[in-house]
Amino acid sequence: MKKSEHEKFAKRVLDVLGIEKINNLHKHQEQSLDNQLDDLLEAHDYDAETVTDEEIIGRYKLVTEYIYPDEFVQLEKHLKFND
């Protein structure tokens, strides 16, 4: 995927999810979402035009509700605070 295409897809992800959701991601959630979106692009043969908004939202929900839910993030912050 060309850099310009990658930037276009990143802007689309930002438009779909919104800056607040992106900015509120914990570092683990952000890395996991990046991985999920890379996998999604691979599944679409790196044709970002064929990726739907629903698929982007679905990957976001997968990360924030199942892989690294907010409870995990809060627990990690609590554990780091107590170190």
N, C-alpha and C. Protein backbone atom coordinates (compact mmCIF):
# COMPACT_ATOMS: atom_id res chain seq x y z
N MET A 1 0.85 -1.18 0.00
CA MET A 1 0.00 0.00 0.00
C MET A 1 0.89 1.24 0.00
N LYS A 2 0.61 2.15 -0.90
CA LYS A 2 1.36 3.39 -0.99
C LYS A 2 1.09 4.26 0.22
N LYS A 3 2.07 5.11 0.53
CA LYS A 3 1.95 6.01 1.67
C LYS A 3 0.71 6.89 1.55
N SER A 4 0.44 7.41 0.36
CA SER A 4 -0.72 8.29 0.16
C SER A 4 -2.03 7.53 0.40
N GLU A 5 -2.08 6.26 0.00
CA GLU A 5 -3.27 5.45 0.23
C GLU A 5 -3.44 5.15 1.72
N HIS A 6 -2.31 4.90 2.38
CA HIS A 6 -2.35 4.63 3.82
C HIS A 6 -2.84 5.87 4.57
N GLU A 7 -2.36 7.04 4.19
CA GLU A 7 -2.79 8.28 4.83
C GLU A 7 -4.28 8.53 4.59
N LYS A 8 -4.74 8.22 3.39
CA LYS A 8 -6.16 8.38 3.06
C LYS A 8 -7.01 7.45 3.93
N PHE A 9 -6.56 6.22 4.12
CA PHE A 9 -7.29 5.28 4.96
C PHE A 9 -7.28 5.73 6.42
N ALA A 10 -6.13 6.23 6.88
CA ALA A 10 -6.04 6.72 8.25
C ALA A 10 -7.01 7.88 8.48
N LYS A 11 -7.12 8.76 7.50
CA LYS A 11 -8.06 9.89 7.61
C LYS A 11 -9.50 9.36 7.65
N ARG A 12 -9.77 8.35 6.86
CA ARG A 12 -11.12 7.76 6.86
C ARG A 12 -11.45 7.14 8.21
N VAL A 13 -10.48 6.43 8.79
CA VAL A 13 -10.67 5.85 10.12
C VAL A 13 -10.97 6.95 11.12
N LEU A 14 -10.23 8.03 11.05
CA LEU A 14 -10.45 9.18 11.93
C LEU A 14 -11.85 9.76 11.73
N ASP A 15 -12.27 9.88 10.48
CA ASP A 15 -13.61 10.41 10.19
C ASP A 15 -14.70 9.48 10.72
N VAL A 16 -14.49 8.17 10.60
CA VAL A 16 -15.49 7.19 11.04
C VAL A 16 -15.57 7.14 12.55
N LEU A 17 -14.42 7.08 13.21
CA LEU A 17 -14.41 6.90 14.67
C LEU A 17 -14.47 8.22 15.44
N GLY A 18 -13.91 9.26 14.88
CA GLY A 18 -13.88 10.56 15.56
C GLY A 18 -12.61 10.71 16.39
N ILE A 19 -12.17 11.93 16.50
CA ILE A 19 -10.92 12.25 17.20
C ILE A 19 -10.99 11.87 18.67
N GLU A 20 -12.15 12.04 19.30
CA GLU A 20 -12.26 11.75 20.74
C GLU A 20 -12.01 10.27 21.02
N LYS A 21 -12.62 9.39 20.23
CA LYS A 21 -12.40 7.96 20.43
C LYS A 21 -10.94 7.59 20.22
N ILE A 22 -10.35 8.15 19.19
CA ILE A 22 -8.94 7.86 18.91
C ILE A 22 -8.05 8.36 20.04
N ASN A 23 -8.27 9.58 20.49
CA ASN A 23 -7.44 10.17 21.55
C ASN A 23 -7.62 9.47 22.89
N ASN A 24 -8.78 8.84 23.10
CA ASN A 24 -9.03 8.19 24.39
C ASN A 24 -8.55 6.75 24.45
N LEU A 25 -7.96 6.26 23.37
CA LEU A 25 -7.45 4.89 23.39
C LEU A 25 -6.21 4.77 24.27
N HIS A 26 -6.17 3.72 25.06
CA HIS A 26 -4.97 3.38 25.82
C HIS A 26 -3.93 2.86 24.83
N LYS A 27 -2.67 2.88 25.19
CA LYS A 27 -1.63 2.46 24.24
C LYS A 27 -1.83 1.02 23.76
N HIS A 28 -2.30 0.13 24.64
CA HIS A 28 -2.57 -1.25 24.23
C HIS A 28 -3.74 -1.31 23.24
N GLN A 29 -4.76 -0.51 23.51
CA GLN A 29 -5.91 -0.46 22.60
C GLN A 29 -5.50 0.11 21.24
N GLU A 30 -4.69 1.14 21.26
CA GLU A 30 -4.25 1.77 20.02
C GLU A 30 -3.44 0.79 19.17
N GLN A 31 -2.50 0.09 19.81
CA GLN A 31 -1.69 -0.88 19.06
C GLN A 31 -2.55 -2.02 18.53
N SER A 32 -3.47 -2.49 19.35
CA SER A 32 -4.36 -3.58 18.92
C SER A 32 -5.26 -3.12 17.77
N LEU A 33 -5.77 -1.90 17.84
CA LEU A 33 -6.61 -1.38 16.76
C LEU A 33 -5.79 -1.26 15.48
N ASP A 34 -4.55 -0.79 15.58
CA ASP A 34 -3.69 -0.72 14.40
C ASP A 34 -3.53 -2.11 13.78
N ASN A 35 -3.30 -3.11 14.62
CA ASN A 35 -3.16 -4.48 14.12
C ASN A 35 -4.44 -4.97 13.47
N GLN A 36 -5.57 -4.68 14.11
CA GLN A 36 -6.87 -5.10 13.56
C GLN A 36 -7.14 -4.44 12.21
N LEU A 37 -6.81 -3.17 12.09
CA LEU A 37 -7.05 -2.46 10.84
C LEU A 37 -6.10 -2.95 9.74
N ASP A 38 -4.87 -3.30 10.12
CA ASP A 38 -3.95 -3.90 9.15
C ASP A 38 -4.49 -5.23 8.65
N ASP A 39 -4.99 -6.04 9.58
CA ASP A 39 -5.59 -7.33 9.19
C ASP A 39 -6.80 -7.12 8.29
N LEU A 40 -7.59 -6.11 8.60
CA LEU A 40 -8.77 -5.81 7.80
C LEU A 40 -8.37 -5.42 6.38
N LEU A 41 -7.37 -4.57 6.27
CA LEU A 41 -6.89 -4.18 4.95
C LEU A 41 -6.35 -5.39 4.17
N GLU A 42 -5.63 -6.25 4.87
CA GLU A 42 -5.10 -7.45 4.22
C GLU A 42 -6.25 -8.32 3.70
N ALA A 43 -7.31 -8.44 4.49
CA ALA A 43 -8.47 -9.23 4.08
C ALA A 43 -9.15 -8.65 2.84
N HIS A 44 -8.95 -7.36 2.62
CA HIS A 44 -9.51 -6.67 1.45
C HIS A 44 -8.46 -6.48 0.36
N ASP A 45 -7.40 -7.28 0.43
CA ASP A 45 -6.30 -7.18 -0.55
C ASP A 45 -5.75 -5.76 -0.66
N TYR A 46 -5.70 -5.08 0.48
CA TYR A 46 -5.15 -3.73 0.60
C TYR A 46 -5.88 -2.71 -0.25
N ASP A 47 -7.15 -2.98 -0.53
CA ASP A 47 -8.00 -2.03 -1.24
C ASP A 47 -8.90 -1.35 -0.22
N ALA A 48 -8.44 -0.22 0.30
CA ALA A 48 -9.16 0.49 1.37
C ALA A 48 -10.56 0.92 0.95
N GLU A 49 -10.75 1.11 -0.35
CA GLU A 49 -12.05 1.54 -0.86
C GLU A 49 -13.14 0.51 -0.59
N THR A 50 -12.77 -0.75 -0.43
CA THR A 50 -13.76 -1.81 -0.22
C THR A 50 -14.07 -2.04 1.25
N VAL A 51 -13.34 -1.39 2.15
CA VAL A 51 -13.59 -1.50 3.59
C VAL A 51 -14.76 -0.60 3.95
N THR A 52 -15.73 -1.16 4.66
CA THR A 52 -16.91 -0.37 5.03
C THR A 52 -16.71 0.33 6.38
N ASP A 53 -17.50 1.36 6.60
CA ASP A 53 -17.48 2.05 7.90
C ASP A 53 -17.83 1.07 9.01
N GLU A 54 -18.77 0.18 8.75
CA GLU A 54 -19.21 -0.79 9.75
C GLU A 54 -18.07 -1.72 10.15
N GLU A 55 -17.22 -2.08 9.18
CA GLU A 55 -16.07 -2.93 9.50
C GLU A 55 -15.07 -2.20 10.38
N ILE A 56 -14.85 -0.93 10.12
CA ILE A 56 -13.94 -0.12 10.94
C ILE A 56 -14.49 -0.02 12.36
N ILE A 57 -15.78 0.29 12.48
CA ILE A 57 -16.41 0.38 13.79
C ILE A 57 -16.37 -0.97 14.49
N GLY A 58 -16.58 -2.03 13.76
CA GLY A 58 -16.54 -3.37 14.34
C GLY A 58 -15.19 -3.71 14.92
N ARG A 59 -14.13 -3.34 14.22
CA ARG A 59 -12.78 -3.60 14.74
C ARG A 59 -12.51 -2.75 15.98
N TYR A 60 -13.00 -1.51 15.98
CA TYR A 60 -12.86 -0.65 17.16
C TYR A 60 -13.57 -1.29 18.36
N LYS A 61 -14.79 -1.76 18.15
CA LYS A 61 -15.55 -2.39 19.24
C LYS A 61 -14.88 -3.67 19.71
N LEU A 62 -14.34 -4.45 18.78
CA LEU A 62 -13.64 -5.68 19.15
C LEU A 62 -12.52 -5.36 20.12
N VAL A 63 -11.75 -4.34 19.81
CA VAL A 63 -10.60 -3.97 20.65
C VAL A 63 -11.06 -3.39 21.98
N THR A 64 -12.00 -2.46 21.96
CA THR A 64 -12.36 -1.72 23.18
C THR A 64 -13.37 -2.45 24.07
N GLU A 65 -14.03 -3.46 23.53
CA GLU A 65 -15.02 -4.17 24.34
C GLU A 65 -14.60 -5.60 24.69
N TYR A 66 -13.71 -6.19 23.88
CA TYR A 66 -13.37 -7.60 24.09
C TYR A 66 -11.89 -7.85 24.31
N ILE A 67 -11.02 -7.27 23.50
CA ILE A 67 -9.59 -7.54 23.63
C ILE A 67 -9.00 -6.75 24.80
N TYR A 68 -9.18 -5.45 24.79
CA TYR A 68 -8.71 -4.58 25.88
C TYR A 68 -9.85 -3.67 26.32
N PRO A 69 -10.83 -4.24 27.04
CA PRO A 69 -11.96 -3.40 27.49
C PRO A 69 -11.50 -2.36 28.50
N ASP A 70 -12.35 -1.37 28.72
CA ASP A 70 -12.01 -0.29 29.65
C ASP A 70 -11.66 -0.81 31.04
N GLU A 71 -12.28 -1.90 31.45
CA GLU A 71 -11.98 -2.47 32.77
C GLU A 71 -10.52 -2.90 32.84
N PHE A 72 -9.99 -3.46 31.76
CA PHE A 72 -8.59 -3.86 31.71
C PHE A 72 -7.69 -2.62 31.83
N VAL A 73 -8.04 -1.59 31.08
CA VAL A 73 -7.25 -0.36 31.09
C VAL A 73 -7.23 0.24 32.50
N GLN A 74 -8.38 0.30 33.14
CA GLN A 74 -8.45 0.85 34.50
C GLN A 74 -7.64 0.01 35.48
N LEU A 75 -7.72 -1.30 35.35
CA LEU A 75 -6.96 -2.20 36.23
C LEU A 75 -5.47 -1.99 36.04
N GLU A 76 -5.03 -1.88 34.79
CA GLU A 76 -3.61 -1.67 34.54
C GLU A 76 -3.14 -0.34 35.14
N LYS A 77 -3.93 0.71 34.96
CA LYS A 77 -3.58 2.01 35.54
C LYS A 77 -3.49 1.92 37.06
N HIS A 78 -4.44 1.20 37.66
CA HIS A 78 -4.44 1.03 39.12
C HIS A 78 -3.19 0.28 39.58
N LEU A 79 -2.85 -0.78 38.87
CA LEU A 79 -1.68 -1.56 39.25
C LEU A 79 -0.39 -0.76 39.10
N LYS A 80 -0.30 0.04 38.05
CA LYS A 80 0.90 0.88 37.86
C LYS A 80 0.99 1.95 38.95
N PHE A 81 -0.17 2.47 39.34
CA PHE A 81 -0.20 3.51 40.37
C PHE A 81 0.29 2.98 41.70
N ASN A 82 -0.02 1.71 41.97
CA ASN A 82 0.36 1.10 43.25
C ASN A 82 1.79 0.57 43.27
N ASP A 83 2.48 0.61 42.15
CA ASP A 83 3.89 0.13 42.12
C ASP A 83 4.82 1.07 42.80
